[in-house]
Structures are given as structure tokens and as C-alpha cells.
PDB file of N, CA and C in Angstrom:
ATOM      1  N   GLY A   1      27.633 -42.155   4.035  1.00  0.00           N
ATOM      2  CA  GLY A   1      27.003 -41.753   5.130  1.00  0.00           C
ATOM      3  C   GLY A   1      27.628 -40.281   5.440  1.00  0.00           C
ATOM      4  N   GLY A   2      27.010 -39.617   6.265  1.00  0.00           N
ATOM      5  CA  GLY A   2      27.256 -38.391   6.771  1.00  0.00           C
ATOM      6  C   GLY A   2      27.680 -37.900   8.131  1.00  0.00           C
ATOM      7  N   ALA A   3      28.599 -37.246   8.153  1.00  0.00           N
ATOM      8  CA  ALA A   3      28.922 -36.972   9.412  1.00  0.00           C
ATOM      9  C   ALA A   3      28.621 -35.686  10.008  1.00  0.00           C
ATOM     10  N   GLY A   4      27.219 -35.537  10.223  1.00  0.00           N
ATOM     11  CA  GLY A   4      26.500 -34.139  10.321  1.00  0.00           C
ATOM     12  C   GLY A   4      26.576 -34.221  11.613  1.00  0.00           C
ATOM     13  N   GLY A   5      25.972 -33.093  12.105  1.00  0.00           N
ATOM     14  CA  GLY A   5      25.688 -32.409  13.447  1.00  0.00           C
ATOM     15  C   GLY A   5      24.628 -31.453  13.453  1.00  0.00           C
ATOM     16  N   GLY A   6      24.096 -31.189  14.691  1.00  0.00           N
ATOM     17  CA  GLY A   6      23.297 -29.809  14.731  1.00  0.00           C
ATOM     18  C   GLY A   6      24.027 -28.655  14.604  1.00  0.00           C
ATOM     19  N   THR A   7      23.021 -27.792  14.021  1.00  0.00           N
ATOM     20  CA  THR A   7      23.873 -26.563  13.716  1.00  0.00           C
ATOM     21  C   THR A   7      24.030 -25.684  14.949  1.00  0.00           C
ATOM     22  N   ASP A   8      23.441 -26.061  16.016  1.00  0.00           N
ATOM     23  CA  ASP A   8      23.671 -25.215  17.146  1.00  0.00           C
ATOM     24  C   ASP A   8      24.547 -25.961  18.305  1.00  0.00           C
ATOM     25  N   VAL A   9      25.273 -26.827  17.887  1.00  0.00           N
ATOM     26  CA  VAL A   9      26.582 -27.454  18.759  1.00  0.00           C
ATOM     27  C   VAL A   9      27.524 -26.158  18.963  1.00  0.00           C
ATOM     28  N   GLY A  10      27.844 -26.308  20.117  1.00  0.00           N
ATOM     29  CA  GLY A  10      28.720 -25.280  20.919  1.00  0.00           C
ATOM     30  C   GLY A  10      28.448 -23.925  20.973  1.00  0.00           C
ATOM     31  N   LEU A  11      27.100 -23.412  20.628  1.00  0.00           N
ATOM     32  CA  LEU A  11      26.662 -22.134  20.914  1.00  0.00           C
ATOM     33  C   LEU A  11      26.362 -21.811  22.111  1.00  0.00           C
ATOM     34  N   GLY A  12      26.976 -20.788  22.526  1.00  0.00           N
ATOM     35  CA  GLY A  12      26.591 -20.171  24.121  1.00  0.00           C
ATOM     36  C   GLY A  12      27.789 -20.691  24.942  1.00  0.00           C
ATOM     37  N   ASP A  13      28.712 -21.862  24.652  1.00  0.00           N
ATOM     38  CA  ASP A  13      29.518 -22.483  25.621  1.00  0.00           C
ATOM     39  C   ASP A  13      30.428 -21.499  26.165  1.00  0.00           C
ATOM     40  N   ASP A  14      31.156 -20.996  25.032  1.00  0.00           N
ATOM     41  CA  ASP A  14      32.278 -19.832  25.346  1.00  0.00           C
ATOM     42  C   ASP A  14      31.816 -18.489  25.568  1.00  0.00           C
ATOM     43  N   THR A  15      30.639 -18.444  25.441  1.00  0.00           N
ATOM     44  CA  THR A  15      30.272 -16.741  25.370  1.00  0.00           C
ATOM     45  C   THR A  15      29.308 -16.452  26.465  1.00  0.00           C
ATOM     46  N   SER A  16      28.975 -17.562  27.526  1.00  0.00           N
ATOM     47  CA  SER A  16      27.993 -17.399  28.381  1.00  0.00           C
ATOM     48  C   SER A  16      28.559 -16.188  29.410  1.00  0.00           C
ATOM     49  N   GLY A  17      27.771 -15.453  29.758  1.00  0.00           N
ATOM     50  CA  GLY A  17      28.072 -14.277  30.711  1.00  0.00           C
ATOM     51  C   GLY A  17      28.583 -12.942  30.094  1.00  0.00           C
ATOM     52  N   GLY A  18      29.176 -13.016  28.925  1.00  0.00           N
ATOM     53  CA  GLY A  18      29.844 -12.007  28.398  1.00  0.00           C
ATOM     54  C   GLY A  18      28.835 -11.438  27.361  1.00  0.00           C
ATOM     55  N   GLY A  19      27.964 -11.793  27.016  1.00  0.00           N
ATOM     56  CA  GLY A  19      27.414 -11.405  25.951  1.00  0.00           C
ATOM     57  C   GLY A  19      26.284 -10.118  26.126  1.00  0.00           C
ATOM     58  N   ALA A  20      25.905 -10.067  27.165  1.00  0.00           N
ATOM     59  CA  ALA A  20      24.659  -8.931  27.322  1.00  0.00           C
ATOM     60  C   ALA A  20      25.533  -7.661  27.485  1.00  0.00           C
ATOM     61  N   VAL A  21      27.106  -7.470  27.996  1.00  0.00           N
ATOM     62  CA  VAL A  21      27.664  -6.343  27.995  1.00  0.00           C
ATOM     63  C   VAL A  21      27.930  -5.917  26.817  1.00  0.00           C
ATOM     64  N   GLY A  22      28.358  -6.652  25.847  1.00  0.00           N
ATOM     65  CA  GLY A  22      28.667  -6.199  24.346  1.00  0.00           C
ATOM     66  C   GLY A  22      27.187  -5.926  23.997  1.00  0.00           C
ATOM     67  N   ASP A  23      26.234  -6.293  24.020  1.00  0.00           N
ATOM     68  CA  ASP A  23      24.933  -5.659  23.550  1.00  0.00           C
ATOM     69  C   ASP A  23      24.804  -4.422  23.979  1.00  0.00           C
ATOM     70  N   VAL A  24      24.909  -4.591  25.297  1.00  0.00           N
ATOM     71  CA  VAL A  24      24.721  -2.966  25.649  1.00  0.00           C
ATOM     72  C   VAL A  24      25.625  -1.779  25.298  1.00  0.00           C
ATOM     73  N   GLN A  25      26.794  -2.225  25.160  1.00  0.00           N
ATOM     74  CA  GLN A  25      27.735  -1.390  24.442  1.00  0.00           C
ATOM     75  C   GLN A  25      27.371  -1.149  23.125  1.00  0.00           C
ATOM     76  N   ASP A  26      26.879  -2.182  22.291  1.00  0.00           N
ATOM     77  CA  ASP A  26      26.410  -1.720  20.899  1.00  0.00           C
ATOM     78  C   ASP A  26      25.005  -0.770  20.740  1.00  0.00           C
ATOM     79  N   PHE A  27      24.411  -1.289  21.894  1.00  0.00           N
ATOM     80  CA  PHE A  27      22.930  -0.403  21.931  1.00  0.00           C
ATOM     81  C   PHE A  27      23.182   0.756  21.993  1.00  0.00           C
ATOM     82  N   MET A  28      24.152   1.319  22.936  1.00  0.00           N
ATOM     83  CA  MET A  28      24.722   2.579  23.451  1.00  0.00           C
ATOM     84  C   MET A  28      25.239   3.356  22.327  1.00  0.00           C
ATOM     85  N   ALA A  29      26.180   2.367  21.391  1.00  0.00           N
ATOM     86  CA  ALA A  29      27.073   3.120  20.310  1.00  0.00           C
ATOM     87  C   ALA A  29      25.882   3.371  19.310  1.00  0.00           C
ATOM     88  N   GLU A  30      24.748   2.731  19.216  1.00  0.00           N
ATOM     89  CA  GLU A  30      23.904   2.773  18.034  1.00  0.00           C
ATOM     90  C   GLU A  30      23.046   4.190  18.403  1.00  0.00           C
ATOM     91  N   ILE A  31      22.648   4.374  19.814  1.00  0.00           N
ATOM     92  CA  ILE A  31      22.242   5.387  20.098  1.00  0.00           C
ATOM     93  C   ILE A  31      23.056   6.548  19.894  1.00  0.00           C
ATOM     94  N   MET A  32      24.200   6.760  20.235  1.00  0.00           N
ATOM     95  CA  MET A  32      25.191   7.828  20.161  1.00  0.00           C
ATOM     96  C   MET A  32      25.186   8.167  18.474  1.00  0.00           C
ATOM     97  N   ALA A  33      25.409   7.128  17.805  1.00  0.00           N
ATOM     98  CA  ALA A  33      25.587   7.531  16.510  1.00  0.00           C
ATOM     99  C   ALA A  33      24.524   8.042  15.843  1.00  0.00           C
ATOM    100  N   LEU A  34      23.212   7.666  16.101  1.00  0.00           N
ATOM    101  CA  LEU A  34      21.677   8.185  15.774  1.00  0.00           C
ATOM    102  C   LEU A  34      21.999   9.560  16.349  1.00  0.00           C
ATOM    103  N   LEU A  35      21.900  10.129  17.464  1.00  0.00           N
ATOM    104  CA  LEU A  35      21.774  11.329  18.020  1.00  0.00           C
ATOM    105  C   LEU A  35      22.788  12.416  17.066  1.00  0.00           C
ATOM    106  N   GLU A  36      24.367  11.638  16.693  1.00  0.00           N
ATOM    107  CA  GLU A  36      25.081  12.521  15.967  1.00  0.00           C
ATOM    108  C   GLU A  36      24.512  12.816  14.836  1.00  0.00           C
ATOM    109  N   GLN A  37      24.176  11.881  14.274  1.00  0.00           N
ATOM    110  CA  GLN A  37      23.434  11.688  12.686  1.00  0.00           C
ATOM    111  C   GLN A  37      22.227  12.751  12.613  1.00  0.00           C
ATOM    112  N   HIS A  38      21.642  12.902  13.970  1.00  0.00           N
ATOM    113  CA  HIS A  38      20.441  14.145  13.712  1.00  0.00           C
ATOM    114  C   HIS A  38      20.737  15.439  14.317  1.00  0.00           C
ATOM    115  N   LYS A  39      21.862  15.502  14.863  1.00  0.00           N
ATOM    116  CA  LYS A  39      22.595  16.519  15.322  1.00  0.00           C
ATOM    117  C   LYS A  39      22.537  17.719  14.516  1.00  0.00           C
ATOM    118  N   ARG A  40      22.049  18.875  14.579  1.00  0.00           N
ATOM    119  CA  ARG A  40      22.040  20.307  13.722  1.00  0.00           C
ATOM    120  C   ARG A  40      22.762  21.392  14.538  1.00  0.00           C
ATOM    121  N   TYR A  41      23.943  21.713  13.817  1.00  0.00           N
ATOM    122  CA  TYR A  41      24.499  23.071  14.393  1.00  0.00           C
ATOM    123  C   TYR A  41      23.494  24.374  14.430  1.00  0.00           C
ATOM    124  N   PRO A  42      23.111  25.000  15.210  1.00  0.00           N
ATOM    125  CA  PRO A  42      22.166  26.050  14.884  1.00  0.00           C
ATOM    126  C   PRO A  42      22.857  27.074  14.070  1.00  0.00           C
ATOM    127  N   ARG A  43      22.506  27.618  13.116  1.00  0.00           N
ATOM    128  CA  ARG A  43      23.161  28.648  12.279  1.00  0.00           C
ATOM    129  C   ARG A  43      23.724  29.517  13.035  1.00  0.00           C
ATOM    130  N   GLY A  44      22.805  30.463  13.731  1.00  0.00           N
ATOM    131  CA  GLY A  44      23.290  31.454  14.454  1.00  0.00           C
ATOM    132  C   GLY A  44      24.438  31.234  15.624  1.00  0.00           C
ATOM    133  N   ALA A  45      24.615  29.949  16.321  1.00  0.00           N
ATOM    134  CA  ALA A  45      25.681  29.905  16.886  1.00  0.00           C
ATOM    135  C   ALA A  45      26.700  29.384  16.157  1.00  0.00           C
ATOM    136  N   ARG A  46      26.749  28.877  14.941  1.00  0.00           N
ATOM    137  CA  ARG A  46      27.631  28.787  14.053  1.00  0.00           C
ATOM    138  C   ARG A  46      28.343  30.044  13.743  1.00  0.00           C
ATOM    139  N   ASN A  47      27.555  31.045  13.174  1.00  0.00           N
ATOM    140  CA  ASN A  47      27.911  32.197  12.922  1.00  0.00           C
ATOM    141  C   ASN A  47      28.740  32.863  14.067  1.00  0.00           C
ATOM    142  N   ARG A  48      28.430  33.065  15.127  1.00  0.00           N
ATOM    143  CA  ARG A  48      29.045  33.673  16.386  1.00  0.00           C
ATOM    144  C   ARG A  48      29.859  32.749  16.958  1.00  0.00           C
ATOM    145  N   ARG A  49      30.271  31.616  16.167  1.00  0.00           N
ATOM    146  CA  ARG A  49      31.481  30.777  16.891  1.00  0.00           C
ATOM    147  C   ARG A  49      31.175  30.216  18.099  1.00  0.00           C
ATOM    148  N   MET A  50      29.918  29.714  18.631  1.00  0.00           N
ATOM    149  CA  MET A  50      29.805  29.045  19.893  1.00  0.00           C
ATOM    150  C   MET A  50      30.078  27.932  19.645  1.00  0.00           C
ATOM    151  N   GLU A  51      30.840  27.288  20.933  1.00  0.00           N
ATOM    152  CA  GLU A  51      31.219  26.116  20.926  1.00  0.00           C
ATOM    153  C   GLU A  51      30.878  25.246  22.225  1.00  0.00           C
ATOM    154  N   GLY A  52      30.729  24.228  22.295  1.00  0.00           N
ATOM    155  CA  GLY A  52      30.413  23.760  23.758  1.00  0.00           C
ATOM    156  C   GLY A  52      29.768  22.100  23.709  1.00  0.00           C
ATOM    157  N   THR A  53      29.911  21.933  25.186  1.00  0.00           N
ATOM    158  CA  THR A  53      29.508  20.289  25.279  1.00  0.00           C
ATOM    159  C   THR A  53      28.510  20.306  26.213  1.00  0.00           C
ATOM    160  N   GLY A  54      27.302  20.198  25.842  1.00  0.00           N
ATOM    161  CA  GLY A  54      26.423  19.802  27.295  1.00  0.00           C
ATOM    162  C   GLY A  54      25.890  18.327  27.593  1.00  0.00           C
ATOM    163  N   MET A  55      25.598  18.127  28.735  1.00  0.00           N
ATOM    164  CA  MET A  55      25.055  16.840  29.344  1.00  0.00           C
ATOM    165  C   MET A  55      23.564  16.565  29.139  1.00  0.00           C
ATOM    166  N   LEU A  56      23.214  15.608  28.023  1.00  0.00           N
ATOM    167  CA  LEU A  56      21.939  15.379  27.956  1.00  0.00           C
ATOM    168  C   LEU A  56      21.631  14.112  28.732  1.00  0.00           C
ATOM    169  N   ARG A  57      20.202  14.340  29.415  1.00  0.00           N
ATOM    170  CA  ARG A  57      19.889  13.063  30.284  1.00  0.00           C
ATOM    171  C   ARG A  57      18.407  12.566  29.405  1.00  0.00           C
ATOM    172  N   PHE A  58      17.934  11.718  29.197  1.00  0.00           N
ATOM    173  CA  PHE A  58      16.708  11.569  28.520  1.00  0.00           C
ATOM    174  C   PHE A  58      16.338  10.032  29.262  1.00  0.00           C
ATOM    175  N   VAL A  59      15.051   9.771  29.170  1.00  0.00           N
ATOM    176  CA  VAL A  59      14.468   8.502  29.291  1.00  0.00           C
ATOM    177  C   VAL A  59      13.816   7.847  28.120  1.00  0.00           C
ATOM    178  N   MET A  60      14.194   6.815  27.739  1.00  0.00           N
ATOM    179  CA  MET A  60      13.532   6.107  26.490  1.00  0.00           C
ATOM    180  C   MET A  60      12.719   4.843  27.086  1.00  0.00           C
ATOM    181  N   ASP A  61      11.672   4.492  26.288  1.00  0.00           N
ATOM    182  CA  ASP A  61      11.040   3.194  26.758  1.00  0.00           C
ATOM    183  C   ASP A  61      11.625   2.059  25.767  1.00  0.00           C
ATOM    184  N   SER A  62      10.882   0.778  25.925  1.00  0.00           N
ATOM    185  CA  SER A  62      11.524  -0.433  25.153  1.00  0.00           C
ATOM    186  C   SER A  62      11.215  -0.382  23.690  1.00  0.00           C
ATOM    187  N   ASP A  63      10.208   0.710  23.199  1.00  0.00           N
ATOM    188  CA  ASP A  63       9.888   0.725  22.048  1.00  0.00           C
ATOM    189  C   ASP A  63      10.940   1.887  21.172  1.00  0.00           C
ATOM    190  N   GLY A  64      11.568   2.473  21.848  1.00  0.00           N
ATOM    191  CA  GLY A  64      12.403   3.559  21.537  1.00  0.00           C
ATOM    192  C   GLY A  64      12.115   5.047  21.334  1.00  0.00           C
ATOM    193  N   ARG A  65      10.589   4.893  22.175  1.00  0.00           N
ATOM    194  CA  ARG A  65      10.021   6.357  22.225  1.00  0.00           C
ATOM    195  C   ARG A  65      10.695   7.319  23.573  1.00  0.00           C
ATOM    196  N   VAL A  66      11.169   8.635  23.293  1.00  0.00           N
ATOM    197  CA  VAL A  66      11.683   9.506  24.114  1.00  0.00           C
ATOM    198  C   VAL A  66      10.388   9.887  24.865  1.00  0.00           C
ATOM    199  N   GLU A  67      10.788   9.612  26.542  1.00  0.00           N
ATOM    200  CA  GLU A  67       9.778  10.121  27.539  1.00  0.00           C
ATOM    201  C   GLU A  67       9.979  11.271  28.278  1.00  0.00           C
ATOM    202  N   ALA A  68      11.077  11.253  28.509  1.00  0.00           N
ATOM    203  CA  ALA A  68      11.487  12.447  29.220  1.00  0.00           C
ATOM    204  C   ALA A  68      12.832  13.033  28.900  1.00  0.00           C
ATOM    205  N   VAL A  69      13.312  14.621  28.756  1.00  0.00           N
ATOM    206  CA  VAL A  69      14.638  14.921  28.383  1.00  0.00           C
ATOM    207  C   VAL A  69      14.849  16.139  29.310  1.00  0.00           C
ATOM    208  N   THR A  70      16.246  16.083  29.813  1.00  0.00           N
ATOM    209  CA  THR A  70      16.608  17.201  30.742  1.00  0.00           C
ATOM    210  C   THR A  70      17.889  17.578  30.384  1.00  0.00           C
ATOM    211  N   LEU A  71      18.338  18.634  30.545  1.00  0.00           N
ATOM    212  CA  LEU A  71      19.765  19.205  30.342  1.00  0.00           C
ATOM    213  C   LEU A  71      20.340  18.977  31.542  1.00  0.00           C
ATOM    214  N   GLU A  72      21.303  18.119  31.850  1.00  0.00           N
ATOM    215  CA  GLU A  72      21.853  17.829  32.979  1.00  0.00           C
ATOM    216  C   GLU A  72      23.248  18.807  33.244  1.00  0.00           C
ATOM    217  N   ARG A  73      23.808  19.476  32.066  1.00  0.00           N
ATOM    218  CA  ARG A  73      25.000  20.343  32.081  1.00  0.00           C
ATOM    219  C   ARG A  73      24.553  21.287  31.047  1.00  0.00           C
ATOM    220  N   SER A  74      24.884  22.577  31.044  1.00  0.00           N
ATOM    221  CA  SER A  74      24.717  23.490  30.224  1.00  0.00           C
ATOM    222  C   SER A  74      25.654  23.187  29.079  1.00  0.00           C
ATOM    223  N   SER A  75      25.690  23.820  27.912  1.00  0.00           N
ATOM    224  CA  SER A  75      26.737  23.774  26.934  1.00  0.00           C
ATOM    225  C   SER A  75      27.578  25.226  27.324  1.00  0.00           C
ATOM    226  N   GLY A  76      26.687  25.986  27.819  1.00  0.00           N
ATOM    227  CA  GLY A  76      27.305  27.317  28.041  1.00  0.00           C
ATOM    228  C   GLY A  76      26.519  28.206  27.141  1.00  0.00           C
ATOM    229  N   PHE A  77      25.899  27.969  26.040  1.00  0.00           N
ATOM    230  CA  PHE A  77      25.068  28.580  25.112  1.00  0.00           C
ATOM    231  C   PHE A  77      23.698  28.149  25.143  1.00  0.00           C
ATOM    232  N   ALA A  78      22.930  29.398  25.263  1.00  0.00           N
ATOM    233  CA  ALA A  78      21.466  28.915  25.162  1.00  0.00           C
ATOM    234  C   ALA A  78      20.979  28.210  23.882  1.00  0.00           C
ATOM    235  N   ALA A  79      21.312  28.513  22.714  1.00  0.00           N
ATOM    236  CA  ALA A  79      20.951  28.271  21.580  1.00  0.00           C
ATOM    237  C   ALA A  79      21.525  26.634  21.249  1.00  0.00           C
ATOM    238  N   LEU A  80      22.938  26.340  21.835  1.00  0.00           N
ATOM    239  CA  LEU A  80      23.004  25.011  22.064  1.00  0.00           C
ATOM    240  C   LEU A  80      22.291  24.201  22.798  1.00  0.00           C
ATOM    241  N   ASP A  81      22.006  24.734  23.960  1.00  0.00           N
ATOM    242  CA  ASP A  81      21.298  23.859  24.720  1.00  0.00           C
ATOM    243  C   ASP A  81      19.844  23.483  24.448  1.00  0.00           C
ATOM    244  N   GLU A  82      19.302  24.382  23.525  1.00  0.00           N
ATOM    245  CA  GLU A  82      18.106  24.082  22.895  1.00  0.00           C
ATOM    246  C   GLU A  82      18.032  22.861  22.172  1.00  0.00           C
ATOM    247  N   GLU A  83      18.969  22.730  21.159  1.00  0.00           N
ATOM    248  CA  GLU A  83      19.445  21.785  20.047  1.00  0.00           C
ATOM    249  C   GLU A  83      19.593  20.651  21.071  1.00  0.00           C
ATOM    250  N   ILE A  84      20.194  20.736  22.141  1.00  0.00           N
ATOM    251  CA  ILE A  84      20.450  19.297  22.720  1.00  0.00           C
ATOM    252  C   ILE A  84      19.365  18.884  22.946  1.00  0.00           C
ATOM    253  N   LEU A  85      18.278  19.554  23.867  1.00  0.00           N
ATOM    254  CA  LEU A  85      16.952  19.089  24.290  1.00  0.00           C
ATOM    255  C   LEU A  85      16.327  18.907  23.113  1.00  0.00           C
ATOM    256  N   ALA A  86      16.321  19.167  22.001  1.00  0.00           N
ATOM    257  CA  ALA A  86      15.490  18.748  20.730  1.00  0.00           C
ATOM    258  C   ALA A  86      16.030  17.297  20.272  1.00  0.00           C
ATOM    259  N   LEU A  87      17.246  17.110  20.371  1.00  0.00           N
ATOM    260  CA  LEU A  87      18.022  16.011  19.656  1.00  0.00           C
ATOM    261  C   LEU A  87      17.071  14.590  19.847  1.00  0.00           C
ATOM    262  N   PRO A  88      16.986  14.265  21.061  1.00  0.00           N
ATOM    263  CA  PRO A  88      16.510  12.817  21.119  1.00  0.00           C
ATOM    264  C   PRO A  88      15.075  12.691  20.507  1.00  0.00           C
ATOM    265  N   ARG A  89      14.379  13.642  20.468  1.00  0.00           N
ATOM    266  CA  ARG A  89      12.827  13.314  19.915  1.00  0.00           C
ATOM    267  C   ARG A  89      13.020  13.570  18.438  1.00  0.00           C
ATOM    268  N   ARG A  90      13.883  14.413  17.691  1.00  0.00           N
ATOM    269  CA  ARG A  90      14.262  14.286  16.383  1.00  0.00           C
ATOM    270  C   ARG A  90      14.686  12.958  15.915  1.00  0.00           C
ATOM    271  N   ALA A  91      15.470  12.255  16.902  1.00  0.00           N
ATOM    272  CA  ALA A  91      16.136  11.230  16.442  1.00  0.00           C
ATOM    273  C   ALA A  91      15.240   9.883  16.723  1.00  0.00           C
ATOM    274  N   GLU A  92      13.868  10.069  17.071  1.00  0.00           N
ATOM    275  CA  GLU A  92      12.891   8.910  17.503  1.00  0.00           C
ATOM    276  C   GLU A  92      12.330   8.406  16.184  1.00  0.00           C
ATOM    277  N   PRO A  93      11.996   7.162  16.005  1.00  0.00           N
ATOM    278  CA  PRO A  93      12.147   6.180  16.917  1.00  0.00           C
ATOM    279  C   PRO A  93      13.619   5.958  17.280  1.00  0.00           C
ATOM    280  N   LEU A  94      14.057   5.886  18.611  1.00  0.00           N
ATOM    281  CA  LEU A  94      15.317   4.954  18.875  1.00  0.00           C
ATOM    282  C   LEU A  94      15.172   3.728  18.742  1.00  0.00           C
ATOM    283  N   PRO A  95      16.586   3.048  18.562  1.00  0.00           N
ATOM    284  CA  PRO A  95      16.768   1.603  18.782  1.00  0.00           C
ATOM    285  C   PRO A  95      15.765   0.903  19.986  1.00  0.00           C
ATOM    286  N   ARG A  96      15.154   0.044  19.596  1.00  0.00           N
ATOM    287  CA  ARG A  96      14.645  -0.931  20.683  1.00  0.00           C
ATOM    288  C   ARG A  96      15.447  -1.357  21.965  1.00  0.00           C
ATOM    289  N   ILE A  97      15.101  -1.270  23.351  1.00  0.00           N
ATOM    290  CA  ILE A  97      16.001  -1.735  24.311  1.00  0.00           C
ATOM    291  C   ILE A  97      15.949  -3.153  23.860  1.00  0.00           C
ATOM    292  N   PRO A  98      17.071  -3.627  23.872  1.00  0.00           N
ATOM    293  CA  PRO A  98      17.296  -5.196  23.777  1.00  0.00           C
ATOM    294  C   PRO A  98      16.758  -5.876  24.944  1.00  0.00           C
ATOM    295  N   PRO A  99      16.079  -6.921  24.752  1.00  0.00           N
ATOM    296  CA  PRO A  99      15.276  -7.819  25.636  1.00  0.00           C
ATOM    297  C   PRO A  99      16.098  -8.480  26.576  1.00  0.00           C
ATOM    298  N   GLU A 100      17.456  -8.577  26.510  1.00  0.00           N
ATOM    299  CA  GLU A 100      18.194  -8.816  27.361  1.00  0.00           C
ATOM    300  C   GLU A 100      18.648  -7.893  28.625  1.00  0.00           C
ATOM    301  N   MET A 101      18.415  -6.898  28.222  1.00  0.00           N
ATOM    302  CA  MET A 101      18.626  -5.970  29.424  1.00  0.00           C
ATOM    303  C   MET A 101      17.633  -5.857  30.129  1.00  0.00           C
ATOM    304  N   GLY A 102      16.532  -6.637  30.103  1.00  0.00           N
ATOM    305  CA  GLY A 102      15.501  -6.728  30.802  1.00  0.00           C
ATOM    306  C   GLY A 102      14.724  -5.365  31.490  1.00  0.00           C
ATOM    307  N   ARG A 103      14.717  -4.454  30.734  1.00  0.00           N
ATOM    308  CA  ARG A 103      14.198  -3.033  31.120  1.00  0.00           C
ATOM    309  C   ARG A 103      13.095  -2.620  30.535  1.00  0.00           C
ATOM    310  N   ALA A 104      12.155  -1.862  31.071  1.00  0.00           N
ATOM    311  CA  ALA A 104      11.047  -1.248  30.356  1.00  0.00           C
ATOM    312  C   ALA A 104      11.243   0.063  30.019  1.00  0.00           C
ATOM    313  N   THR A 105      12.208   0.620  30.721  1.00  0.00           N
ATOM    314  CA  THR A 105      12.851   2.022  30.341  1.00  0.00           C
ATOM    315  C   THR A 105      14.219   2.018  30.657  1.00  0.00           C
ATOM    316  N   LEU A 106      14.650   3.097  30.107  1.00  0.00           N
ATOM    317  CA  LEU A 106      16.355   3.344  30.360  1.00  0.00           C
ATOM    318  C   LEU A 106      16.505   4.786  30.302  1.00  0.00           C
ATOM    319  N   GLU A 107      17.401   5.013  31.310  1.00  0.00           N
ATOM    320  CA  GLU A 107      17.740   6.361  31.203  1.00  0.00           C
ATOM    321  C   GLU A 107      19.366   6.647  30.670  1.00  0.00           C
ATOM    322  N   ILE A 108      19.517   7.325  30.007  1.00  0.00           N
ATOM    323  CA  ILE A 108      20.829   7.473  29.187  1.00  0.00           C
ATOM    324  C   ILE A 108      21.284   8.969  29.544  1.00  0.00           C
ATOM    325  N   LEU A 109      22.477   9.054  29.832  1.00  0.00           N
ATOM    326  CA  LEU A 109      23.333  10.182  30.013  1.00  0.00           C
ATOM    327  C   LEU A 109      24.280  10.474  29.057  1.00  0.00           C
ATOM    328  N   VAL A 110      24.181  11.253  28.017  1.00  0.00           N
ATOM    329  CA  VAL A 110      25.337  11.402  26.939  1.00  0.00           C
ATOM    330  C   VAL A 110      25.903  12.812  26.904  1.00  0.00           C
ATOM    331  N   PRO A 111      27.022  12.891  26.538  1.00  0.00           N
ATOM    332  CA  PRO A 111      27.441  14.428  26.177  1.00  0.00           C
ATOM    333  C   PRO A 111      27.468  14.573  24.922  1.00  0.00           C
ATOM    334  N   ILE A 112      26.830  15.931  24.594  1.00  0.00           N
ATOM    335  CA  ILE A 112      26.695  16.193  22.970  1.00  0.00           C
ATOM    336  C   ILE A 112      27.461  17.398  22.714  1.00  0.00           C
ATOM    337  N   SER A 113      28.214  17.371  21.846  1.00  0.00           N
ATOM    338  CA  SER A 113      29.284  18.119  21.702  1.00  0.00           C
ATOM    339  C   SER A 113      29.245  18.987  20.240  1.00  0.00           C
ATOM    340  N   PHE A 114      29.410  20.571  20.433  1.00  0.00           N
ATOM    341  CA  PHE A 114      29.311  21.120  19.193  1.00  0.00           C
ATOM    342  C   PHE A 114      30.683  21.695  18.968  1.00  0.00           C
ATOM    343  N   GLN A 115      31.372  21.387  17.934  1.00  0.00           N
ATOM    344  CA  GLN A 115      32.710  22.019  17.524  1.00  0.00           C
ATOM    345  C   GLN A 115      32.861  22.367  16.219  1.00  0.00           C
ATOM    346  N   LEU A 116      33.138  23.620  16.018  1.00  0.00           N
ATOM    347  CA  LEU A 116      33.540  23.988  14.659  1.00  0.00           C
ATOM    348  C   LEU A 116      34.791  23.157  14.117  1.00  0.00           C
ATOM    349  N   GLN A 117      34.552  23.024  12.973  1.00  0.00           N
ATOM    350  CA  GLN A 117      35.695  22.396  12.095  1.00  0.00           C
ATOM    351  C   GLN A 117      37.080  23.349  11.639  1.00  0.00           C
TER     352      GLN A 117
END
């Protein structure tokens, strides 16, 4: 005899309601990591020791395509701001919006920081 059971026993019982927030956080972390990966410090800015943090706002669709990009707050240097604005499109395609978020588009506001080591 076997003491078998379904493989889905107990799933969802103790996680109901808590899953979506974690998914959103994971999704945002993934996007941040991707942007960081594609960020390039403009050579001229590096040579002139320009540092700053700008606020990037962009809208993406569910397929990870960037629809609109705006600079919410300047980093203080045009060269860095240009790089911030170029960043989301360079990182395309972004991760798809998780279905459990139930959204066709998502507006994201993130700080993009340029610091010399």
C-alpha cells in the first residue's frame, strides 16, 4: 500500500494574501538590477568627476516595452541626465509585468545614481 497524496496538498493555505506583494517587490528588484546592469557612466562626466542622482520615471507595458520616459528630477548634470533618460530603452525588453499585478502598463519611479568609486 501507499500513503500517497496529491502533490498540491497544502499549497496556498498559509500564503494566501501575502504572495502578490512579494512578487511586486521581486519584480521591482529585477528591474532595478537590469537598469543598474545597463547603466554607463558617461566618460566626459567621469573625467570631470560629475556625481549625482536623478529620478527617472517611465511607463512600461506588460511585454516589458518602454512607452514613455521622463526625468522627474535632474542629477544636476546634463550628461548624467541624458544617460538616465537613455537607460530604460537600452535595458529593453524589461521583465514582463506579473499577471497577478493585473495591469497592462506600469509607471515606475526610480533613483539612478552616479557615484565615482
